Amino acid sequence: MIRTKLSVMMFLQFFIWGAWYTTIAVYMTNHGMERLTYWPYTVNPIAAIVAPFFLGLVADRYFPTEKVLGTLHVLGGIVLFLVPRFSTAPVAFILLLLVYNLCYMPTLGLANSLAFHHIQSQEQQFPLIRVFGTVGWIVAGLFISLVLGPVIGGVAEQTAWPVYTSAAASVILGLYAFSLPHTPPPGRGQPVSLRSIAGLDAFAKIGDRPFYIFIAASLLLCIPLAVYYNFTQLYLGAAGVTRIAATQTLGQMSETIFMLLMPLMFLRLGVKKMLMIGMAAWVLRYALFALAAEISDRGFRRPRNDGGRPSRGRPYGGT
């Protein structure tokens, strides 16, 4: 019963993120903000940097995890409902996205912490719970392209409906979180200091050379990841793909298979080899995208027969 509740939590947690994160650049481009599409992928990591301070000060010490999780999702959903109303005011639009991400990003750690508290074996049980998060991301993309698209009679990614979908799901998860098992704050009674809030004490306890190498490698991998999410959706639109969100779920579909295989891979390969294989797969993915972009670009460069202008245009401003 608890595992089912945790799985539903993970499903909604990543359904919310997947619905707006893979479509917001297309929406902004369609509403006159094509030169600002990098901002959602800038405020998101800023919020991720701030999140540990919030978790260390509030969630870990004073309030049950499920109540903090629910409150943040309800507040975030309300803010996200307001975002499309400011599509003609880019500064307010981006600031509201920042406020929303400040609500959402702490919930990633809270959801994991809550799940870890209620399972016995993190290596064996958590992947089977976390995989429902990937399923939620996939369902979000399919829902936007295959359900919302036909309902509104157009390309749903160009409209505010994906944002509204995320907002509604956020409120639903917020209310649902209050029914999750009670999870007391793990740091209750511990002294509050700037080092503990920033997580420096944890670094001092677990930090060694391999750990810092892992942190550096993760940092480098996440740099192109932001570019991937920003421009893949625009590239697909420029290439004539209309079901943009659904097409992007192909990556998560393969992720689902490997997440289900993780318990076996832990036993056969160990953590180090698993990480090396995963990082190599990311490099391969970006290399394939680069090759595909070059091949696709050749398709756009047909012989000029109209006074110097290409005979085929790009629907998203040449991205």
C-alpha atoms as a PDB file:
ATOM      1  CA  MET A   1       0.000   0.000   0.000  1.00  0.00           C
ATOM      2  CA  ILE A   2       2.792   2.426   0.895  1.00  0.00           C
ATOM      3  CA  ARG A   3       4.721   1.576  -2.265  1.00  0.00           C
ATOM      4  CA  THR A   4       1.605   2.269  -4.329  1.00  0.00           C
ATOM      5  CA  LYS A   5       1.189   5.682  -2.693  1.00  0.00           C
ATOM      6  CA  LEU A   6       4.844   6.506  -3.245  1.00  0.00           C
ATOM      7  CA  SER A   7       4.611   5.415  -6.885  1.00  0.00           C
ATOM      8  CA  VAL A   8       1.606   7.690  -7.472  1.00  0.00           C
ATOM      9  CA  MET A   9       3.538  10.522  -5.835  1.00  0.00           C
ATOM     10  CA  MET A  10       6.480   9.980  -8.192  1.00  0.00           C
ATOM     11  CA  PHE A  11       4.170   9.742 -11.215  1.00  0.00           C
ATOM     12  CA  LEU A  12       2.581  13.119 -10.492  1.00  0.00           C
ATOM     13  CA  GLN A  13       5.911  14.684  -9.445  1.00  0.00           C
ATOM     14  CA  PHE A  14       7.436  14.177 -12.885  1.00  0.00           C
ATOM     15  CA  PHE A  15       4.185  14.519 -14.846  1.00  0.00           C
ATOM     16  CA  ILE A  16       4.161  18.128 -13.634  1.00  0.00           C
ATOM     17  CA  TRP A  17       7.728  18.795 -14.732  1.00  0.00           C
ATOM     18  CA  GLY A  18       7.468  16.980 -18.058  1.00  0.00           C
ATOM     19  CA  ALA A  19       4.310  18.798 -19.152  1.00  0.00           C
ATOM     20  CA  TRP A  20       5.746  22.325 -19.117  1.00  0.00           C
ATOM     21  CA  TYR A  21       9.506  21.803 -19.332  1.00  0.00           C
ATOM     22  CA  THR A  22       9.464  20.205 -22.782  1.00  0.00           C
ATOM     23  CA  THR A  23       7.009  22.701 -24.286  1.00  0.00           C
ATOM     24  CA  ILE A  24       7.645  26.140 -22.765  1.00  0.00           C
ATOM     25  CA  ALA A  25      10.199  27.206 -25.407  1.00  0.00           C
ATOM     26  CA  VAL A  26       7.697  26.497 -28.195  1.00  0.00           C
ATOM     27  CA  TYR A  27       5.023  28.465 -26.333  1.00  0.00           C
ATOM     28  CA  MET A  28       7.364  31.422 -25.800  1.00  0.00           C
ATOM     29  CA  THR A  29       8.444  31.388 -29.442  1.00  0.00           C
ATOM     30  CA  ASN A  30       4.805  31.422 -30.522  1.00  0.00           C
ATOM     31  CA  HIS A  31       4.112  34.420 -28.261  1.00  0.00           C
ATOM     32  CA  GLY A  32       6.896  36.772 -29.327  1.00  0.00           C
ATOM     33  CA  MET A  33       9.553  35.656 -26.815  1.00  0.00           C
ATOM     34  CA  GLU A  34      11.718  33.599 -29.172  1.00  0.00           C
ATOM     35  CA  ARG A  35      14.898  35.342 -27.993  1.00  0.00           C
ATOM     36  CA  LEU A  36      14.166  34.599 -24.328  1.00  0.00           C
ATOM     37  CA  THR A  37      13.596  30.842 -24.418  1.00  0.00           C
ATOM     38  CA  TYR A  38      16.758  30.173 -22.435  1.00  0.00           C
ATOM     39  CA  TRP A  39      15.355  31.871 -19.333  1.00  0.00           C
ATOM     40  CA  PRO A  40      13.146  28.998 -18.091  1.00  0.00           C
ATOM     41  CA  TYR A  41      16.235  26.781 -18.228  1.00  0.00           C
ATOM     42  CA  THR A  42      18.180  29.401 -16.298  1.00  0.00           C
ATOM     43  CA  VAL A  43      15.722  30.069 -13.473  1.00  0.00           C
ATOM     44  CA  ASN A  44      15.202  26.322 -13.024  1.00  0.00           C
ATOM     45  CA  PRO A  45      18.799  25.560 -11.948  1.00  0.00           C
ATOM     46  CA  ILE A  46      18.894  28.785  -9.918  1.00  0.00           C
ATOM     47  CA  ALA A  47      15.949  27.420  -7.949  1.00  0.00           C
ATOM     48  CA  ALA A  48      17.722  24.069  -7.662  1.00  0.00           C
ATOM     49  CA  ILE A  49      20.716  25.821  -6.066  1.00  0.00           C
ATOM     50  CA  VAL A  50      18.470  27.634  -3.593  1.00  0.00           C
ATOM     51  CA  ALA A  51      16.436  24.506  -2.751  1.00  0.00           C
ATOM     52  CA  PRO A  52      18.993  22.880  -0.389  1.00  0.00           C
ATOM     53  CA  PHE A  53      19.028  26.013   1.778  1.00  0.00           C
ATOM     54  CA  PHE A  54      15.260  25.785   2.157  1.00  0.00           C
ATOM     55  CA  LEU A  55      15.364  22.054   2.833  1.00  0.00           C
ATOM     56  CA  GLY A  56      18.136  22.419   5.379  1.00  0.00           C
ATOM     57  CA  LEU A  57      16.441  25.240   7.262  1.00  0.00           C
ATOM     58  CA  VAL A  58      12.739  24.346   7.149  1.00  0.00           C
ATOM     59  CA  ALA A  59      11.825  20.913   5.836  1.00  0.00           C
ATOM     60  CA  ASP A  60      14.552  18.960   7.639  1.00  0.00           C
ATOM     61  CA  ARG A  61      13.951  20.532  11.062  1.00  0.00           C
ATOM     62  CA  TYR A  62      10.518  21.915  11.731  1.00  0.00           C
ATOM     63  CA  PHE A  63       7.715  20.364   9.670  1.00  0.00           C
ATOM     64  CA  PRO A  64       6.704  16.867   8.484  1.00  0.00           C
ATOM     65  CA  THR A  65       7.943  16.191   4.970  1.00  0.00           C
ATOM     66  CA  GLU A  66       4.532  15.356   3.500  1.00  0.00           C
ATOM     67  CA  LYS A  67       3.051  18.682   4.695  1.00  0.00           C
ATOM     68  CA  VAL A  68       5.894  20.740   3.224  1.00  0.00           C
ATOM     69  CA  LEU A  69       5.618  18.772  -0.023  1.00  0.00           C
ATOM     70  CA  GLY A  70       1.876  19.381  -0.248  1.00  0.00           C
ATOM     71  CA  THR A  71       2.081  23.081   0.596  1.00  0.00           C
ATOM     72  CA  LEU A  72       4.790  23.782  -1.969  1.00  0.00           C
ATOM     73  CA  HIS A  73       2.915  21.986  -4.748  1.00  0.00           C
ATOM     74  CA  VAL A  74      -0.336  23.832  -4.059  1.00  0.00           C
ATOM     75  CA  LEU A  75       1.449  27.196  -4.007  1.00  0.00           C
ATOM     76  CA  GLY A  76       3.427  26.299  -7.117  1.00  0.00           C
ATOM     77  CA  GLY A  77       0.280  25.271  -8.963  1.00  0.00           C
ATOM     78  CA  ILE A  78      -1.384  28.618  -8.182  1.00  0.00           C
ATOM     79  CA  VAL A  79       1.656  30.518  -9.453  1.00  0.00           C
ATOM     80  CA  LEU A  80       1.834  28.403 -12.605  1.00  0.00           C
ATOM     81  CA  PHE A  81      -1.812  29.159 -13.404  1.00  0.00           C
ATOM     82  CA  LEU A  82      -0.832  32.842 -13.535  1.00  0.00           C
ATOM     83  CA  VAL A  83       2.201  32.450 -15.830  1.00  0.00           C
ATOM     84  CA  PRO A  84       0.399  32.450 -19.237  1.00  0.00           C
ATOM     85  CA  ARG A  85      -1.525  35.589 -18.280  1.00  0.00           C
ATOM     86  CA  PHE A  86       1.768  37.507 -18.492  1.00  0.00           C
ATOM     87  CA  SER A  87       2.871  36.282 -21.925  1.00  0.00           C
ATOM     88  CA  THR A  88       2.821  39.900 -23.144  1.00  0.00           C
ATOM     89  CA  ALA A  89       5.042  40.997 -20.236  1.00  0.00           C
ATOM     90  CA  PRO A  90       8.248  38.944 -20.564  1.00  0.00           C
ATOM     91  CA  VAL A  91       9.881  40.161 -17.342  1.00  0.00           C
ATOM     92  CA  ALA A  92       6.847  39.255 -15.227  1.00  0.00           C
ATOM     93  CA  PHE A  93       6.504  35.978 -17.151  1.00  0.00           C
ATOM     94  CA  ILE A  94      10.064  34.935 -16.320  1.00  0.00           C
ATOM     95  CA  LEU A  95       9.885  36.129 -12.708  1.00  0.00           C
ATOM     96  CA  LEU A  96       6.750  34.073 -12.150  1.00  0.00           C
ATOM     97  CA  LEU A  97       8.538  31.051 -13.600  1.00  0.00           C
ATOM     98  CA  LEU A  98      11.335  31.698 -11.110  1.00  0.00           C
ATOM     99  CA  VAL A  99       8.849  31.833  -8.225  1.00  0.00           C
ATOM    100  CA  TYR A 100       7.233  28.628  -9.445  1.00  0.00           C
ATOM    101  CA  ASN A 101      10.572  26.844  -9.684  1.00  0.00           C
ATOM    102  CA  LEU A 102      11.470  28.011  -6.175  1.00  0.00           C
ATOM    103  CA  CYS A 103       8.347  26.136  -5.065  1.00  0.00           C
ATOM    104  CA  TYR A 104       8.902  23.075  -7.259  1.00  0.00           C
ATOM    105  CA  MET A 105      12.604  22.290  -7.053  1.00  0.00           C
ATOM    106  CA  PRO A 106      12.659  21.594  -3.282  1.00  0.00           C
ATOM    107  CA  THR A 107       9.917  19.023  -3.824  1.00  0.00           C
ATOM    108  CA  LEU A 108      12.296  16.775  -5.769  1.00  0.00           C
ATOM    109  CA  GLY A 109      14.434  16.269  -2.680  1.00  0.00           C
ATOM    110  CA  LEU A 110      11.383  16.055  -0.446  1.00  0.00           C
ATOM    111  CA  ALA A 111       9.783  13.333  -2.572  1.00  0.00           C
ATOM    112  CA  ASN A 112      12.979  11.276  -2.539  1.00  0.00           C
ATOM    113  CA  SER A 113      13.435  11.786   1.198  1.00  0.00           C
ATOM    114  CA  LEU A 114       9.867  10.721   1.890  1.00  0.00           C
ATOM    115  CA  ALA A 115      10.257   7.612  -0.252  1.00  0.00           C
ATOM    116  CA  PHE A 116      13.573   6.633   1.361  1.00  0.00           C
ATOM    117  CA  HIS A 117      12.031   6.947   4.821  1.00  0.00           C
ATOM    118  CA  HIS A 118       9.360   4.344   4.065  1.00  0.00           C
ATOM    119  CA  ILE A 119      11.299   1.635   2.210  1.00  0.00           C
ATOM    120  CA  GLN A 120      13.724  -0.931   3.530  1.00  0.00           C
ATOM    121  CA  SER A 121      16.166  -1.331   0.626  1.00  0.00           C
ATOM    122  CA  GLN A 122      16.985   1.811  -1.326  1.00  0.00           C
ATOM    123  CA  GLU A 123      18.987  -0.048  -3.994  1.00  0.00           C
ATOM    124  CA  GLN A 124      16.302  -2.672  -4.629  1.00  0.00           C
ATOM    125  CA  GLN A 125      13.026  -0.846  -4.004  1.00  0.00           C
ATOM    126  CA  PHE A 126      13.611   2.786  -4.909  1.00  0.00           C
ATOM    127  CA  PRO A 127      14.211   2.218  -8.670  1.00  0.00           C
ATOM    128  CA  LEU A 128      10.852   0.424  -8.867  1.00  0.00           C
ATOM    129  CA  ILE A 129       9.191   3.468  -7.286  1.00  0.00           C
ATOM    130  CA  ARG A 130      11.209   6.101  -9.127  1.00  0.00           C
ATOM    131  CA  VAL A 131      10.432   4.543 -12.507  1.00  0.00           C
ATOM    132  CA  PHE A 132       6.860   5.782 -12.133  1.00  0.00           C
ATOM    133  CA  GLY A 133       8.294   9.296 -12.265  1.00  0.00           C
ATOM    134  CA  THR A 134       9.656   8.576 -15.724  1.00  0.00           C
ATOM    135  CA  VAL A 135       6.309   7.048 -16.676  1.00  0.00           C
ATOM    136  CA  GLY A 136       4.647  10.265 -15.503  1.00  0.00           C
ATOM    137  CA  TRP A 137       6.968  12.338 -17.714  1.00  0.00           C
ATOM    138  CA  ILE A 138       6.096  10.085 -20.689  1.00  0.00           C
ATOM    139  CA  VAL A 139       2.354  10.262 -20.052  1.00  0.00           C
ATOM    140  CA  ALA A 140       2.573  14.060 -19.824  1.00  0.00           C
ATOM    141  CA  GLY A 141       4.175  14.294 -23.274  1.00  0.00           C
ATOM    142  CA  LEU A 142       1.730  11.848 -24.842  1.00  0.00           C
ATOM    143  CA  PHE A 143      -1.224  13.592 -23.215  1.00  0.00           C
ATOM    144  CA  ILE A 144      -0.208  16.998 -24.538  1.00  0.00           C
ATOM    145  CA  SER A 145       0.407  15.869 -28.119  1.00  0.00           C
ATOM    146  CA  LEU A 146      -2.142  13.075 -28.537  1.00  0.00           C
ATOM    147  CA  VAL A 147      -5.016  14.297 -26.343  1.00  0.00           C
ATOM    148  CA  LEU A 148      -4.787  18.078 -25.975  1.00  0.00           C
ATOM    149  CA  GLY A 149      -3.700  18.568 -29.597  1.00  0.00           C
ATOM    150  CA  PRO A 150      -6.772  16.927 -31.167  1.00  0.00           C
ATOM    151  CA  VAL A 151      -9.093  18.502 -28.572  1.00  0.00           C
ATOM    152  CA  ILE A 152      -7.990  22.064 -29.349  1.00  0.00           C
ATOM    153  CA  GLY A 153      -7.514  21.303 -33.041  1.00  0.00           C
ATOM    154  CA  GLY A 154      -3.921  22.456 -33.320  1.00  0.00           C
ATOM    155  CA  VAL A 155      -0.398  22.120 -31.930  1.00  0.00           C
ATOM    156  CA  ALA A 156      -0.950  22.075 -28.171  1.00  0.00           C
ATOM    157  CA  GLU A 157       2.692  22.937 -27.473  1.00  0.00           C
ATOM    158  CA  GLN A 158       2.124  26.396 -28.971  1.00  0.00           C
ATOM    159  CA  THR A 159      -0.666  27.136 -26.472  1.00  0.00           C
ATOM    160  CA  ALA A 160      -0.878  27.659 -22.715  1.00  0.00           C
ATOM    161  CA  TRP A 161      -2.589  24.309 -22.178  1.00  0.00           C
ATOM    162  CA  PRO A 162       0.595  22.417 -21.213  1.00  0.00           C
ATOM    163  CA  VAL A 163       1.274  25.042 -18.529  1.00  0.00           C
ATOM    164  CA  TYR A 164      -2.294  24.802 -17.253  1.00  0.00           C
ATOM    165  CA  THR A 165      -1.976  21.007 -17.248  1.00  0.00           C
ATOM    166  CA  SER A 166       1.132  21.233 -15.065  1.00  0.00           C
ATOM    167  CA  ALA A 167      -0.578  23.707 -12.752  1.00  0.00           C
ATOM    168  CA  ALA A 168      -3.627  21.473 -12.287  1.00  0.00           C
ATOM    169  CA  ALA A 169      -1.452  18.409 -11.673  1.00  0.00           C
ATOM    170  CA  SER A 170       0.600  20.387  -9.148  1.00  0.00           C
ATOM    171  CA  VAL A 171      -2.491  21.277  -7.117  1.00  0.00           C
ATOM    172  CA  ILE A 172      -3.685  17.662  -7.290  1.00  0.00           C
ATOM    173  CA  LEU A 173      -0.344  16.357  -6.034  1.00  0.00           C
ATOM    174  CA  GLY A 174      -0.290  19.026  -3.337  1.00  0.00           C
ATOM    175  CA  LEU A 175      -3.624  17.850  -1.974  1.00  0.00           C
ATOM    176  CA  TYR A 176      -2.643  14.199  -2.398  1.00  0.00           C
ATOM    177  CA  ALA A 177       0.598  14.728  -0.468  1.00  0.00           C
ATOM    178  CA  PHE A 178      -1.331  15.375   2.741  1.00  0.00           C
ATOM    179  CA  SER A 179      -2.557  11.762   2.578  1.00  0.00           C
ATOM    180  CA  LEU A 180       0.969  10.330   2.350  1.00  0.00           C
ATOM    181  CA  PRO A 181       2.484   8.495   5.344  1.00  0.00           C
ATOM    182  CA  HIS A 182       3.631  10.725   8.162  1.00  0.00           C
ATOM    183  CA  THR A 183       7.311  11.532   7.745  1.00  0.00           C
ATOM    184  CA  PRO A 184       8.840  13.458  10.653  1.00  0.00           C
ATOM    185  CA  PRO A 185      11.559  16.023   9.913  1.00  0.00           C
ATOM    186  CA  PRO A 186      14.851  14.086   9.941  1.00  0.00           C
ATOM    187  CA  GLY A 187      16.841  16.971  11.417  1.00  0.00           C
ATOM    188  CA  ARG A 188      14.537  17.874  14.290  1.00  0.00           C
ATOM    189  CA  GLY A 189      16.465  18.943  17.370  1.00  0.00           C
ATOM    190  CA  GLN A 190      19.753  19.430  15.550  1.00  0.00           C
ATOM    191  CA  PRO A 191      21.481  22.811  15.900  1.00  0.00           C
ATOM    192  CA  VAL A 192      20.980  25.281  13.057  1.00  0.00           C
ATOM    193  CA  SER A 193      24.095  26.729  11.440  1.00  0.00           C
ATOM    194  CA  LEU A 194      25.004  28.174   8.077  1.00  0.00           C
ATOM    195  CA  ARG A 195      27.252  25.166   7.382  1.00  0.00           C
ATOM    196  CA  SER A 196      24.466  22.684   8.039  1.00  0.00           C
ATOM    197  CA  ILE A 197      21.914  24.654   6.003  1.00  0.00           C
ATOM    198  CA  ALA A 198      24.298  24.861   3.030  1.00  0.00           C
ATOM    199  CA  GLY A 199      25.128  21.155   3.338  1.00  0.00           C
ATOM    200  CA  LEU A 200      28.810  21.765   4.010  1.00  0.00           C
ATOM    201  CA  ASP A 201      28.772  19.406   6.981  1.00  0.00           C
ATOM    202  CA  ALA A 202      27.579  16.612   4.718  1.00  0.00           C
ATOM    203  CA  PHE A 203      30.366  17.334   2.239  1.00  0.00           C
ATOM    204  CA  ALA A 204      32.915  17.157   5.050  1.00  0.00           C
ATOM    205  CA  LYS A 205      31.615  13.749   6.142  1.00  0.00           C
ATOM    206  CA  ILE A 206      31.299  12.019   2.784  1.00  0.00           C
ATOM    207  CA  GLY A 207      33.721  13.999   0.657  1.00  0.00           C
ATOM    208  CA  ASP A 208      36.725  12.212  -0.806  1.00  0.00           C
ATOM    209  CA  ARG A 209      38.475  12.282  -4.161  1.00  0.00           C
ATOM    210  CA  PRO A 210      36.101   9.900  -6.038  1.00  0.00           C
ATOM    211  CA  PHE A 211      33.108  11.798  -4.684  1.00  0.00           C
ATOM    212  CA  TYR A 212      34.401  15.144  -5.914  1.00  0.00           C
ATOM    213  CA  ILE A 213      35.240  13.638  -9.297  1.00  0.00           C
ATOM    214  CA  PHE A 214      31.632  12.460  -9.493  1.00  0.00           C
ATOM    215  CA  ILE A 215      30.358  15.949  -8.606  1.00  0.00           C
ATOM    216  CA  ALA A 216      32.566  17.536 -11.282  1.00  0.00           C
ATOM    217  CA  ALA A 217      31.430  15.015 -13.911  1.00  0.00           C
ATOM    218  CA  SER A 218      27.777  15.603 -13.014  1.00  0.00           C
ATOM    219  CA  LEU A 219      28.273  19.363 -13.314  1.00  0.00           C
ATOM    220  CA  LEU A 220      29.786  19.034 -16.767  1.00  0.00           C
ATOM    221  CA  LEU A 221      27.006  16.706 -17.938  1.00  0.00           C
ATOM    222  CA  CYS A 222      24.274  19.083 -16.794  1.00  0.00           C
ATOM    223  CA  ILE A 223      25.596  21.979 -18.875  1.00  0.00           C
ATOM    224  CA  PRO A 224      24.526  20.513 -22.238  1.00  0.00           C
ATOM    225  CA  LEU A 225      21.376  19.089 -20.622  1.00  0.00           C
ATOM    226  CA  ALA A 226      19.864  22.574 -20.272  1.00  0.00           C
ATOM    227  CA  VAL A 227      20.658  23.274 -23.917  1.00  0.00           C
ATOM    228  CA  TYR A 228      19.072  19.965 -24.896  1.00  0.00           C
ATOM    229  CA  TYR A 229      15.744  20.755 -23.244  1.00  0.00           C
ATOM    230  CA  ASN A 230      15.699  24.307 -24.571  1.00  0.00           C
ATOM    231  CA  PHE A 231      16.442  23.648 -28.202  1.00  0.00           C
ATOM    232  CA  THR A 232      15.273  20.093 -28.906  1.00  0.00           C
ATOM    233  CA  GLN A 233      11.628  21.148 -28.875  1.00  0.00           C
ATOM    234  CA  LEU A 234      12.421  24.105 -31.147  1.00  0.00           C
ATOM    235  CA  TYR A 235      14.467  21.905 -33.464  1.00  0.00           C
ATOM    236  CA  LEU A 236      11.622  19.399 -33.753  1.00  0.00           C
ATOM    237  CA  GLY A 237       9.218  22.212 -34.621  1.00  0.00           C
ATOM    238  CA  ALA A 238      11.634  23.555 -37.232  1.00  0.00           C
ATOM    239  CA  ALA A 239      11.928  20.058 -38.689  1.00  0.00           C
ATOM    240  CA  GLY A 240       8.156  19.921 -39.195  1.00  0.00           C
ATOM    241  CA  VAL A 241       7.261  17.712 -36.211  1.00  0.00           C
ATOM    242  CA  THR A 242       3.820  18.607 -34.844  1.00  0.00           C
ATOM    243  CA  ARG A 243       3.659  16.157 -31.931  1.00  0.00           C
ATOM    244  CA  ILE A 244       6.672  17.696 -30.229  1.00  0.00           C
ATOM    245  CA  ALA A 245       6.075  16.641 -26.626  1.00  0.00           C
ATOM    246  CA  ALA A 246       5.204  13.070 -27.583  1.00  0.00           C
ATOM    247  CA  THR A 247       8.302  12.747 -29.761  1.00  0.00           C
ATOM    248  CA  GLN A 248      10.545  13.824 -26.897  1.00  0.00           C
ATOM    249  CA  THR A 249       9.202  11.017 -24.701  1.00  0.00           C
ATOM    250  CA  LEU A 250      11.152   8.452 -26.750  1.00  0.00           C
ATOM    251  CA  GLY A 251      14.184   9.152 -24.561  1.00  0.00           C
ATOM    252  CA  GLN A 252      12.193   8.562 -21.389  1.00  0.00           C
ATOM    253  CA  MET A 253      10.782   5.318 -22.779  1.00  0.00           C
ATOM    254  CA  SER A 254      14.280   3.885 -23.049  1.00  0.00           C
ATOM    255  CA  GLU A 255      15.052   5.317 -19.600  1.00  0.00           C
ATOM    256  CA  THR A 256      12.140   3.338 -18.147  1.00  0.00           C
ATOM    257  CA  ILE A 257      13.600   0.059 -19.373  1.00  0.00           C
ATOM    258  CA  PHE A 258      17.013   0.746 -17.877  1.00  0.00           C
ATOM    259  CA  MET A 259      15.565   1.937 -14.568  1.00  0.00           C
ATOM    260  CA  LEU A 260      13.752  -1.376 -14.211  1.00  0.00           C
ATOM    261  CA  LEU A 261      17.058  -3.114 -14.895  1.00  0.00           C
ATOM    262  CA  MET A 262      18.926  -1.036 -12.300  1.00  0.00           C
ATOM    263  CA  PRO A 263      18.642  -3.533  -9.386  1.00  0.00           C
ATOM    264  CA  LEU A 264      20.196  -6.247 -11.572  1.00  0.00           C
ATOM    265  CA  MET A 265      22.844  -3.865 -12.915  1.00  0.00           C
ATOM    266  CA  PHE A 266      23.772  -2.820  -9.378  1.00  0.00           C
ATOM    267  CA  LEU A 267      24.581  -6.434  -8.612  1.00  0.00           C
ATOM    268  CA  ARG A 268      26.382  -7.255 -11.863  1.00  0.00           C
ATOM    269  CA  LEU A 269      28.231  -4.011 -12.640  1.00  0.00           C
ATOM    270  CA  GLY A 270      28.423  -1.927  -9.486  1.00  0.00           C
ATOM    271  CA  VAL A 271      27.810   1.793  -9.155  1.00  0.00           C
ATOM    272  CA  LYS A 272      31.024   3.011 -10.830  1.00  0.00           C
ATOM    273  CA  LYS A 273      30.560   1.091 -14.072  1.00  0.00           C
ATOM    274  CA  MET A 274      26.870   1.994 -14.196  1.00  0.00           C
ATOM    275  CA  LEU A 275      27.697   5.688 -13.947  1.00  0.00           C
ATOM    276  CA  MET A 276      30.397   5.437 -16.613  1.00  0.00           C
ATOM    277  CA  ILE A 277      28.040   3.660 -19.021  1.00  0.00           C
ATOM    278  CA  GLY A 278      25.291   6.200 -18.355  1.00  0.00           C
ATOM    279  CA  MET A 279      27.586   9.178 -18.942  1.00  0.00           C
ATOM    280  CA  ALA A 280      28.901   7.610 -22.136  1.00  0.00           C
ATOM    281  CA  ALA A 281      25.316   7.160 -23.334  1.00  0.00           C
ATOM    282  CA  TRP A 282      24.676  10.870 -22.809  1.00  0.00           C
ATOM    283  CA  VAL A 283      27.717  11.747 -24.905  1.00  0.00           C
ATOM    284  CA  LEU A 284      26.479   9.395 -27.626  1.00  0.00           C
ATOM    285  CA  ARG A 285      23.025  10.996 -27.554  1.00  0.00           C
ATOM    286  CA  TYR A 286      24.413  14.504 -28.049  1.00  0.00           C
ATOM    287  CA  ALA A 287      26.697  13.273 -30.828  1.00  0.00           C
ATOM    288  CA  LEU A 288      23.738  11.697 -32.641  1.00  0.00           C
ATOM    289  CA  PHE A 289      21.756  14.931 -32.278  1.00  0.00           C
ATOM    290  CA  ALA A 290      24.645  16.889 -33.760  1.00  0.00           C
ATOM    291  CA  LEU A 291      24.856  14.522 -36.738  1.00  0.00           C
ATOM    292  CA  ALA A 292      21.077  14.564 -37.218  1.00  0.00           C
ATOM    293  CA  ALA A 293      21.050  18.373 -37.156  1.00  0.00           C
ATOM    294  CA  GLU A 294      23.662  18.527 -39.888  1.00  0.00           C
ATOM    295  CA  ILE A 295      21.783  16.030 -42.059  1.00  0.00           C
ATOM    296  CA  SER A 296      18.466  17.808 -41.475  1.00  0.00           C
ATOM    297  CA  ASP A 297      20.001  21.175 -42.247  1.00  0.00           C
ATOM    298  CA  ARG A 298      21.079  19.892 -45.635  1.00  0.00           C
ATOM    299  CA  GLY A 299      17.440  19.090 -46.313  1.00  0.00           C
ATOM    300  CA  PHE A 300      16.538  22.726 -45.747  1.00  0.00           C
ATOM    301  CA  ARG A 301      19.257  23.950 -48.113  1.00  0.00           C
ATOM    302  CA  ARG A 302      17.623  23.249 -51.436  1.00  0.00           C
ATOM    303  CA  PRO A 303      18.751  24.971 -54.639  1.00  0.00           C
ATOM    304  CA  ARG A 304      17.693  28.603 -54.704  1.00  0.00           C
ATOM    305  CA  ASN A 305      15.189  29.369 -57.424  1.00  0.00           C
ATOM    306  CA  ASP A 306      13.388  32.488 -56.162  1.00  0.00           C
ATOM    307  CA  GLY A 307      15.871  35.293 -56.329  1.00  0.00           C
ATOM    308  CA  GLY A 308      18.221  34.070 -53.621  1.00  0.00           C
ATOM    309  CA  ARG A 309      15.750  32.910 -50.980  1.00  0.00           C
ATOM    310  CA  PRO A 310      15.590  29.250 -49.871  1.00  0.00           C
ATOM    311  CA  SER A 311      12.541  27.433 -51.271  1.00  0.00           C
ATOM    312  CA  ARG A 312      11.692  25.960 -47.893  1.00  0.00           C
ATOM    313  CA  GLY A 313      11.231  27.982 -44.684  1.00  0.00           C
ATOM    314  CA  ARG A 314      11.571  27.206 -41.011  1.00  0.00           C
ATOM    315  CA  PRO A 315       8.385  27.526 -38.950  1.00  0.00           C
ATOM    316  CA  TYR A 316      10.206  28.676 -35.804  1.00  0.00           C
ATOM    317  CA  GLY A 317      12.389  31.462 -37.053  1.00  0.00           C
ATOM    318  CA  GLY A 318      15.328  29.388 -38.283  1.00  0.00           C
ATOM    319  CA  THR A 319      16.233  27.684 -35.011  1.00  0.00           C
END
